[in-house]
Protein backbone atom coordinates (compact mmCIF):
# COMPACT_ATOMS: atom_id res chain seq x y z
CA MET A 1 0.11 0.08 0.00
CA GLN A 2 1.24 3.68 -0.66
CA LEU A 3 0.34 6.55 1.17
CA THR A 4 0.11 9.55 -0.06
CA THR A 5 -0.98 13.09 0.41
CA ALA A 6 -4.42 14.75 -0.46
CA PRO A 7 -4.47 18.45 -1.77
CA THR A 8 -7.49 20.28 -0.14
CA SER A 9 -6.43 18.39 3.84
CA GLN A 10 -2.84 17.27 5.32
CA SER A 11 -4.68 13.54 6.37
CA PHE A 12 -3.12 10.74 4.90
CA THR A 13 -5.15 8.55 2.16
CA PRO A 14 -4.71 5.08 0.85
CA VAL A 15 -4.20 4.33 -2.24
CA ARG A 16 -5.08 0.80 -3.02
CA THR A 17 -2.84 -1.09 -5.67
CA PRO A 18 -4.22 -3.51 -8.31
CA PRO A 19 -2.43 -6.89 -6.99
CA ALA A 20 0.39 -7.93 -8.64
CA LYS A 21 -0.53 -9.73 -12.36
CA TRP A 22 1.71 -13.27 -12.10
CA SER A 23 3.78 -12.43 -15.00
CA ARG A 24 4.56 -15.12 -17.60
CA SER A 25 7.74 -15.74 -19.29
CA SER A 26 8.33 -15.86 -22.55
CA GLU A 27 9.20 -19.44 -23.11
CA GLU A 28 5.99 -20.23 -21.35
CA VAL A 29 3.58 -17.77 -23.23
CA PHE A 30 5.41 -19.50 -26.61
CA ILE A 31 4.50 -23.39 -25.38
CA GLN A 32 1.32 -21.88 -24.94
CA HIS A 33 1.14 -20.60 -28.55
CA SER A 34 3.01 -23.53 -29.71
CA THR A 35 0.30 -25.61 -28.09
CA LYS A 36 -2.67 -23.14 -29.26
CA PHE A 37 -1.28 -23.81 -32.99
CA VAL A 38 -0.68 -27.62 -32.69
CA GLU A 39 -4.20 -28.44 -31.55
CA LEU A 40 -5.79 -25.59 -34.51
CA GLU A 41 -3.22 -27.21 -37.35
CA VAL A 42 -4.80 -30.82 -35.79
CA LYS A 43 -7.82 -29.84 -35.50
CA ALA A 44 -7.41 -28.29 -39.47
CA ARG A 45 -5.64 -32.00 -40.81
CA LEU A 46 -8.19 -33.81 -39.12
CA ASP A 47 -11.04 -31.94 -40.96
CA GLN A 48 -9.49 -32.60 -44.51
CA LEU A 49 -8.78 -35.97 -43.43
CA LYS A 50 -12.69 -36.59 -42.46
CA GLU A 51 -12.96 -34.75 -45.76
CA PHE A 52 -11.13 -37.10 -47.54
CA HIS A 53 -12.80 -39.99 -45.88
CA ASN A 54 -15.82 -39.08 -46.85
CA PHE A 55 -14.96 -37.65 -50.86
CA LYS A 56 -13.81 -41.63 -50.89
CA LEU A 57 -16.39 -43.49 -49.95
CA LYS A 58 -18.82 -41.13 -52.39
CA GLN A 59 -16.53 -42.68 -55.15
CA GLU A 60 -16.78 -46.09 -54.02
CA ALA A 61 -20.42 -45.74 -54.27
CA GLU A 62 -20.37 -44.12 -57.30
CA LEU A 63 -17.79 -46.75 -58.52
CA TYR A 64 -20.47 -49.49 -56.86
CA ASP A 65 -23.24 -48.41 -59.27
CA LEU A 66 -21.18 -47.96 -63.14
CA LYS A 67 -20.03 -51.88 -61.62
CA MET A 68 -23.39 -52.24 -61.57
CA GLU A 69 -24.87 -50.66 -64.17
CA VAL A 70 -22.36 -52.17 -66.37
CA LYS A 71 -23.25 -55.90 -65.24
CA LYS A 72 -27.13 -54.73 -65.90
CA ALA A 73 -26.16 -53.60 -69.12
CA LEU A 74 -23.99 -57.50 -70.10
CA LEU A 75 -26.29 -59.49 -68.33
CA LYS A 76 -29.48 -57.36 -71.18
CA ASP A 77 -27.08 -58.02 -73.92
CA ALA A 78 -26.52 -61.86 -72.97
CA VAL A 79 -30.42 -61.96 -72.89
CA LEU A 80 -31.11 -60.45 -75.99
CA THR A 81 -28.17 -62.29 -77.47
CA VAL A 82 -29.60 -65.79 -76.54
CA GLU A 83 -33.62 -64.74 -77.34
CA LEU A 84 -32.15 -63.81 -80.76
CA LYS A 85 -30.87 -67.15 -80.97
CA GLU A 86 -33.72 -68.94 -80.18
CA LYS A 87 -35.41 -66.58 -82.87
CA GLN A 88 -32.74 -67.60 -85.63
CA LEU A 89 -33.51 -71.78 -84.29
CA ALA A 90 -36.98 -71.61 -84.38
CA ASP A 91 -36.74 -70.39 -88.32
CA MET A 92 -34.54 -72.69 -88.95
CA ASN A 93 -37.17 -75.30 -87.06
CA SER A 94 -39.66 -73.13 -89.69
CA MET A 95 -38.59 -73.04 -92.62
CA GLU A 96 -36.71 -77.00 -92.50
CA VAL A 97 -40.66 -78.31 -91.93
CA THR A 98 -41.59 -75.85 -94.58
CA TRP A 99 -38.71 -77.42 -96.88
CA CYS A 100 -39.81 -81.02 -95.95
CA TYR A 101 -43.10 -80.39 -96.14
CA ARG A 102 -42.45 -78.40 -99.31
CA LYS A 103 -39.55 -81.53 -100.86
CA VAL A 104 -42.05 -84.47 -99.55
CA SER A 105 -45.08 -82.73 -101.24
CA CYS A 106 -43.31 -81.95 -103.91
CA GLU A 107 -41.91 -86.12 -103.69
CA LEU A 108 -45.80 -87.18 -103.93
CA SER A 109 -47.44 -85.14 -106.50
CA VAL A 110 -44.39 -86.17 -108.72
CA SER A 111 -44.96 -90.09 -108.02
CA THR A 112 -48.74 -89.41 -108.55
CA THR A 113 -47.86 -87.44 -111.76
CA GLU A 114 -45.49 -90.22 -112.48
CA ALA A 115 -48.02 -93.62 -111.72
CA LYS A 116 -50.78 -91.85 -114.20
CA THR A 117 -48.93 -91.45 -116.82
CA GLU A 118 -47.33 -95.16 -116.19
CA VAL A 119 -51.16 -96.39 -116.61
C-alpha cells in the first residue's frame, strides 16, 4: 500500500493498487501459443482427412453403381443374344419343316404324276 498526501487536506489517504499479476515468462507464452497452433493444425488436418474419407466413400459408391449398371447392361445383352439365337433356331426349324413338307409334297406329286403317266 502506498501513502500519499491529499492536496486539500493534510491527512494521509491510502491508495490501493491492484495486486501484482503473475507474469509469464516468454517461454511459457511461446509454449502456450505453440500448443494452440498445433491444436489448430491438428484440427484442420483432421477435418481434411474426414473430408477426404467422405469423398473416397462417395467415389466408391459411384464406382459400385457403375459396375452394377455395366453388369445389368451385359446381362440384358446376354438375354437379347439368347433370345435372338432362339428366334433364329425357331426360324431355321420352321424353314426346315416347310422345306421338308414341300419336298415330301413335291415327291408325292411327282410320284402320283408318274403313276398316272404309267397307266
